[in-house]
Amino acid sequence: MNRVAFQGAPGAFSHEACQAFVPGWEPVAFDSFEAAFEAVTSGDCERGCLPIHNVTAGPVEPVVRLLPLSGLVELGRHDLIVRQNLMALPGVKLDDLKVVASHPMALGQCRRFLSGLDAHAEEAFDTAGAARDLAASGDRARAVIAARAAAELYGLDILAPDIQDDPSNWTRFVVVSRSR
């Protein structure tokens, strides 16, 4: 099976983008954008699917910076509707929260919602990675912002759905390859 690299953990929006824009290929998770680019450059993965711009939070700086240096070919750009969700361990209530963690782009997409919470925002390497880590930690004072798929995958409850500032929130993804 052909492989497509993405940054993040299973259940991330990038994972969803791989399934939508490179269907039938095996999504392969990497902890960083650099590692995802390297996987395609080295031939470990035949394609990469990476976020490049969000309508609310703006450019995804590492991808914008790395893409022209990578020597990879753009095969297409595709927009994915992004619905951000606040999730926590089962039984946790909004009043219990002290920290909300997520990728900086996701936090930027939910500024208005976060300003109404009595909780500190904390940056994480990935939305779904934050969900996975929360599920493993058992920390009832924490929540994360991530895709519905992450809640389902890691056994978390959605405390507040669709918390993005822009109801038409979307992210543009670029699909790359070593050659056409």
C-alpha atoms as a PDB file:
ATOM      1  CA  MET A   1       0.000   0.000   0.000  1.00  0.00           C
ATOM      2  CA  ASN A   2       1.229   3.519  -0.791  1.00  0.00           C
ATOM      3  CA  ARG A   3       1.955   5.742   2.198  1.00  0.00           C
ATOM      4  CA  VAL A   4       1.110   9.394   2.845  1.00  0.00           C
ATOM      5  CA  ALA A   5       2.915  11.354   5.591  1.00  0.00           C
ATOM      6  CA  PHE A   6       1.180  13.778   7.923  1.00  0.00           C
ATOM      7  CA  GLN A   7       2.174  15.716  11.014  1.00  0.00           C
ATOM      8  CA  GLY A   8       0.346  14.727  14.170  1.00  0.00           C
ATOM      9  CA  ALA A   9      -1.225  11.703  15.792  1.00  0.00           C
ATOM     10  CA  PRO A  10      -4.048   9.500  14.525  1.00  0.00           C
ATOM     11  CA  GLY A  11      -7.311  11.448  14.816  1.00  0.00           C
ATOM     12  CA  ALA A  12      -5.715  14.766  13.809  1.00  0.00           C
ATOM     13  CA  PHE A  13      -7.247  16.995  11.154  1.00  0.00           C
ATOM     14  CA  SER A  14      -4.226  16.165   8.981  1.00  0.00           C
ATOM     15  CA  HIS A  15      -5.090  12.472   9.343  1.00  0.00           C
ATOM     16  CA  GLU A  16      -8.633  13.291   8.189  1.00  0.00           C
ATOM     17  CA  ALA A  17      -7.191  15.294   5.273  1.00  0.00           C
ATOM     18  CA  CYS A  18      -5.080  12.297   4.183  1.00  0.00           C
ATOM     19  CA  GLN A  19      -8.190  10.128   4.091  1.00  0.00           C
ATOM     20  CA  ALA A  20     -10.136  12.768   2.130  1.00  0.00           C
ATOM     21  CA  PHE A  21      -7.480  13.943  -0.328  1.00  0.00           C
ATOM     22  CA  VAL A  22      -5.313  10.829  -0.769  1.00  0.00           C
ATOM     23  CA  PRO A  23      -7.965   8.099  -0.418  1.00  0.00           C
ATOM     24  CA  GLY A  24      -6.885   4.485  -0.287  1.00  0.00           C
ATOM     25  CA  TRP A  25      -3.378   5.356   0.898  1.00  0.00           C
ATOM     26  CA  GLU A  26      -2.008   4.477   4.333  1.00  0.00           C
ATOM     27  CA  PRO A  27      -1.680   7.624   6.520  1.00  0.00           C
ATOM     28  CA  VAL A  28       1.622   7.657   8.455  1.00  0.00           C
ATOM     29  CA  ALA A  29       1.937   9.944  11.496  1.00  0.00           C
ATOM     30  CA  PHE A  30       5.036  12.033  12.253  1.00  0.00           C
ATOM     31  CA  ASP A  31       5.708  14.192  15.309  1.00  0.00           C
ATOM     32  CA  SER A  32       6.908  17.228  13.345  1.00  0.00           C
ATOM     33  CA  PHE A  33       6.434  18.916  10.001  1.00  0.00           C
ATOM     34  CA  GLU A  34      10.158  18.458   9.377  1.00  0.00           C
ATOM     35  CA  ALA A  35       9.880  14.696   9.875  1.00  0.00           C
ATOM     36  CA  ALA A  36       6.851  14.488   7.559  1.00  0.00           C
ATOM     37  CA  PHE A  37       8.714  16.401   4.823  1.00  0.00           C
ATOM     38  CA  GLU A  38      11.784  14.172   5.321  1.00  0.00           C
ATOM     39  CA  ALA A  39       9.659  11.026   4.991  1.00  0.00           C
ATOM     40  CA  VAL A  40       8.529  12.139   1.536  1.00  0.00           C
ATOM     41  CA  THR A  41      11.954  13.436   0.493  1.00  0.00           C
ATOM     42  CA  SER A  42      13.619  10.138   1.498  1.00  0.00           C
ATOM     43  CA  GLY A  43      10.982   8.009  -0.216  1.00  0.00           C
ATOM     44  CA  ASP A  44       9.766   6.439   3.053  1.00  0.00           C
ATOM     45  CA  CYS A  45       6.353   7.852   2.068  1.00  0.00           C
ATOM     46  CA  GLU A  46       5.280   8.531  -1.515  1.00  0.00           C
ATOM     47  CA  ARG A  47       3.109  11.546  -0.602  1.00  0.00           C
ATOM     48  CA  GLY A  48       2.684  14.119   2.122  1.00  0.00           C
ATOM     49  CA  CYS A  49      -0.501  15.937   3.138  1.00  0.00           C
ATOM     50  CA  LEU A  50       0.226  19.049   5.173  1.00  0.00           C
ATOM     51  CA  PRO A  51      -1.789  22.076   6.346  1.00  0.00           C
ATOM     52  CA  ILE A  52      -0.594  25.314   4.802  1.00  0.00           C
ATOM     53  CA  HIS A  53      -3.217  27.927   5.742  1.00  0.00           C
ATOM     54  CA  ASN A  54      -6.229  28.352   8.020  1.00  0.00           C
ATOM     55  CA  VAL A  55      -8.877  30.972   7.286  1.00  0.00           C
ATOM     56  CA  THR A  56      -8.900  32.157  10.933  1.00  0.00           C
ATOM     57  CA  ALA A  57      -5.376  31.570  12.250  1.00  0.00           C
ATOM     58  CA  GLY A  58      -3.475  32.284   9.020  1.00  0.00           C
ATOM     59  CA  PRO A  59      -0.439  30.548   7.480  1.00  0.00           C
ATOM     60  CA  VAL A  60       1.005  27.397   9.031  1.00  0.00           C
ATOM     61  CA  GLU A  61       4.478  28.896   9.300  1.00  0.00           C
ATOM     62  CA  PRO A  62       6.610  25.717   9.387  1.00  0.00           C
ATOM     63  CA  VAL A  63       4.949  24.362   6.231  1.00  0.00           C
ATOM     64  CA  VAL A  64       5.143  27.709   4.425  1.00  0.00           C
ATOM     65  CA  ARG A  65       8.857  27.880   5.307  1.00  0.00           C
ATOM     66  CA  LEU A  66       9.765  24.240   4.558  1.00  0.00           C
ATOM     67  CA  LEU A  67       7.803  23.686   1.341  1.00  0.00           C
ATOM     68  CA  PRO A  68       9.968  25.786  -1.005  1.00  0.00           C
ATOM     69  CA  LEU A  69      13.153  24.323   0.516  1.00  0.00           C
ATOM     70  CA  SER A  70      11.976  20.711   0.260  1.00  0.00           C
ATOM     71  CA  GLY A  71      12.344  20.205  -3.487  1.00  0.00           C
ATOM     72  CA  LEU A  72       8.958  18.447  -3.440  1.00  0.00           C
ATOM     73  CA  VAL A  73       6.292  18.927  -6.095  1.00  0.00           C
ATOM     74  CA  GLU A  74       2.809  20.169  -5.234  1.00  0.00           C
ATOM     75  CA  LEU A  75       0.168  17.810  -6.577  1.00  0.00           C
ATOM     76  CA  GLY A  76      -2.757  19.878  -5.337  1.00  0.00           C
ATOM     77  CA  ARG A  77      -4.277  22.065  -2.668  1.00  0.00           C
ATOM     78  CA  HIS A  78      -7.527  21.139  -0.970  1.00  0.00           C
ATOM     79  CA  ASP A  79      -9.731  22.787   1.660  1.00  0.00           C
ATOM     80  CA  LEU A  80     -11.041  20.871   4.674  1.00  0.00           C
ATOM     81  CA  ILE A  81     -13.836  22.200   6.893  1.00  0.00           C
ATOM     82  CA  VAL A  82     -12.459  22.182  10.451  1.00  0.00           C
ATOM     83  CA  ARG A  83     -14.754  21.813  13.447  1.00  0.00           C
ATOM     84  CA  GLN A  84     -12.922  22.312  16.739  1.00  0.00           C
ATOM     85  CA  ASN A  85     -14.246  20.588  19.868  1.00  0.00           C
ATOM     86  CA  LEU A  86     -13.401  20.984  23.553  1.00  0.00           C
ATOM     87  CA  MET A  87     -12.956  17.535  25.085  1.00  0.00           C
ATOM     88  CA  ALA A  88     -11.984  16.064  28.429  1.00  0.00           C
ATOM     89  CA  LEU A  89     -12.043  12.816  30.367  1.00  0.00           C
ATOM     90  CA  PRO A  90     -15.505  11.336  30.953  1.00  0.00           C
ATOM     91  CA  GLY A  91     -17.387  13.081  33.757  1.00  0.00           C
ATOM     92  CA  VAL A  92     -15.269  16.263  33.725  1.00  0.00           C
ATOM     93  CA  LYS A  93     -17.244  19.543  33.717  1.00  0.00           C
ATOM     94  CA  LEU A  94     -16.266  22.971  32.331  1.00  0.00           C
ATOM     95  CA  ASP A  95     -15.885  24.307  35.895  1.00  0.00           C
ATOM     96  CA  ASP A  96     -13.256  21.620  36.629  1.00  0.00           C
ATOM     97  CA  LEU A  97     -10.861  22.892  33.953  1.00  0.00           C
ATOM     98  CA  LYS A  98      -7.593  24.671  34.736  1.00  0.00           C
ATOM     99  CA  VAL A  99      -5.760  24.063  31.412  1.00  0.00           C
ATOM    100  CA  VAL A 100      -6.852  23.698  27.782  1.00  0.00           C
ATOM    101  CA  ALA A 101      -4.145  22.302  25.493  1.00  0.00           C
ATOM    102  CA  SER A 102      -3.945  22.096  21.705  1.00  0.00           C
ATOM    103  CA  HIS A 103      -1.820  22.912  18.684  1.00  0.00           C
ATOM    104  CA  PRO A 104      -1.181  26.684  18.429  1.00  0.00           C
ATOM    105  CA  MET A 105      -3.226  26.880  15.197  1.00  0.00           C
ATOM    106  CA  ALA A 106      -6.246  25.302  16.922  1.00  0.00           C
ATOM    107  CA  LEU A 107      -5.915  27.627  19.906  1.00  0.00           C
ATOM    108  CA  GLY A 108      -5.835  30.549  17.462  1.00  0.00           C
ATOM    109  CA  GLN A 109      -9.041  29.338  15.830  1.00  0.00           C
ATOM    110  CA  CYS A 110     -10.879  29.318  19.189  1.00  0.00           C
ATOM    111  CA  ARG A 111      -9.774  32.595  20.815  1.00  0.00           C
ATOM    112  CA  ARG A 112     -13.283  33.885  21.591  1.00  0.00           C
ATOM    113  CA  PHE A 113     -14.380  30.623  23.202  1.00  0.00           C
ATOM    114  CA  LEU A 114     -11.176  30.378  25.242  1.00  0.00           C
ATOM    115  CA  SER A 115     -11.517  33.962  26.495  1.00  0.00           C
ATOM    116  CA  GLY A 116     -14.756  32.919  28.225  1.00  0.00           C
ATOM    117  CA  LEU A 117     -13.165  30.057  30.148  1.00  0.00           C
ATOM    118  CA  ASP A 118     -11.436  30.280  33.500  1.00  0.00           C
ATOM    119  CA  ALA A 119      -8.598  28.099  32.209  1.00  0.00           C
ATOM    120  CA  HIS A 120      -5.074  28.648  30.896  1.00  0.00           C
ATOM    121  CA  ALA A 121      -4.322  27.846  27.231  1.00  0.00           C
ATOM    122  CA  GLU A 122      -1.276  25.637  26.676  1.00  0.00           C
ATOM    123  CA  GLU A 123       0.393  24.825  23.355  1.00  0.00           C
ATOM    124  CA  ALA A 124       0.816  21.183  22.303  1.00  0.00           C
ATOM    125  CA  PHE A 125       2.551  19.631  19.289  1.00  0.00           C
ATOM    126  CA  ASP A 126      -0.736  18.398  17.823  1.00  0.00           C
ATOM    127  CA  THR A 127      -4.488  18.389  18.464  1.00  0.00           C
ATOM    128  CA  ALA A 128      -4.899  14.613  18.456  1.00  0.00           C
ATOM    129  CA  GLY A 129      -1.591  14.113  20.250  1.00  0.00           C
ATOM    130  CA  ALA A 130      -2.900  16.337  23.034  1.00  0.00           C
ATOM    131  CA  ALA A 131      -6.072  14.206  23.166  1.00  0.00           C
ATOM    132  CA  ARG A 132      -4.045  10.979  23.310  1.00  0.00           C
ATOM    133  CA  ASP A 133      -1.819  12.384  26.065  1.00  0.00           C
ATOM    134  CA  LEU A 134      -4.814  13.594  28.086  1.00  0.00           C
ATOM    135  CA  ALA A 135      -6.460  10.174  27.895  1.00  0.00           C
ATOM    136  CA  ALA A 136      -3.249   8.545  29.143  1.00  0.00           C
ATOM    137  CA  SER A 137      -2.700  11.085  31.934  1.00  0.00           C
ATOM    138  CA  GLY A 138      -6.045  10.840  33.720  1.00  0.00           C
ATOM    139  CA  ASP A 139      -5.786  14.570  34.533  1.00  0.00           C
ATOM    140  CA  ARG A 140      -9.294  15.821  35.334  1.00  0.00           C
ATOM    141  CA  ALA A 141      -8.249  19.489  35.395  1.00  0.00           C
ATOM    142  CA  ARG A 142      -7.256  19.461  31.716  1.00  0.00           C
ATOM    143  CA  ALA A 143      -9.095  19.581  28.422  1.00  0.00           C
ATOM    144  CA  VAL A 144      -7.972  19.689  24.809  1.00  0.00           C
ATOM    145  CA  ILE A 145      -9.216  21.129  21.553  1.00  0.00           C
ATOM    146  CA  ALA A 146      -9.289  18.608  18.717  1.00  0.00           C
ATOM    147  CA  ALA A 147     -11.374  16.879  16.057  1.00  0.00           C
ATOM    148  CA  ARG A 148     -14.377  14.729  16.941  1.00  0.00           C
ATOM    149  CA  ALA A 149     -12.391  11.732  15.633  1.00  0.00           C
ATOM    150  CA  ALA A 150      -9.806  12.273  18.390  1.00  0.00           C
ATOM    151  CA  ALA A 151     -12.503  12.187  21.081  1.00  0.00           C
ATOM    152  CA  GLU A 152     -13.825   8.922  19.675  1.00  0.00           C
ATOM    153  CA  LEU A 153     -10.378   7.382  19.247  1.00  0.00           C
ATOM    154  CA  TYR A 154      -9.100   8.269  22.737  1.00  0.00           C
ATOM    155  CA  GLY A 155     -12.331   7.869  24.747  1.00  0.00           C
ATOM    156  CA  LEU A 156     -12.884  11.522  25.624  1.00  0.00           C
ATOM    157  CA  ASP A 157     -16.173  13.380  26.102  1.00  0.00           C
ATOM    158  CA  ILE A 158     -16.933  16.465  24.022  1.00  0.00           C
ATOM    159  CA  LEU A 159     -17.798  19.250  26.479  1.00  0.00           C
ATOM    160  CA  ALA A 160     -18.427  21.876  23.783  1.00  0.00           C
ATOM    161  CA  PRO A 161     -18.691  21.191  20.028  1.00  0.00           C
ATOM    162  CA  ASP A 162     -17.929  23.638  17.191  1.00  0.00           C
ATOM    163  CA  ILE A 163     -16.020  26.160  19.290  1.00  0.00           C
ATOM    164  CA  GLN A 164     -14.082  27.713  16.392  1.00  0.00           C
ATOM    165  CA  ASP A 165     -14.503  31.502  16.042  1.00  0.00           C
ATOM    166  CA  ASP A 166     -15.485  31.286  12.359  1.00  0.00           C
ATOM    167  CA  PRO A 167     -18.448  28.990  11.663  1.00  0.00           C
ATOM    168  CA  SER A 168     -17.080  28.377   8.146  1.00  0.00           C
ATOM    169  CA  ASN A 169     -13.601  27.544   9.484  1.00  0.00           C
ATOM    170  CA  TRP A 170     -11.435  25.700   6.936  1.00  0.00           C
ATOM    171  CA  THR A 171      -7.809  24.730   6.484  1.00  0.00           C
ATOM    172  CA  ARG A 172      -6.050  24.424   3.131  1.00  0.00           C
ATOM    173  CA  PHE A 173      -3.865  21.341   2.767  1.00  0.00           C
ATOM    174  CA  VAL A 174      -1.133  20.761   0.218  1.00  0.00           C
ATOM    175  CA  VAL A 175      -0.420  17.292  -1.167  1.00  0.00           C
ATOM    176  CA  VAL A 176       3.243  16.849  -2.127  1.00  0.00           C
ATOM    177  CA  SER A 177       5.407  14.227  -3.822  1.00  0.00           C
ATOM    178  CA  ARG A 178       9.005  13.798  -4.963  1.00  0.00           C
ATOM    179  CA  SER A 179       7.770  13.924  -8.561  1.00  0.00           C
ATOM    180  CA  ARG A 180       4.578  13.960 -10.601  1.00  0.00           C
END
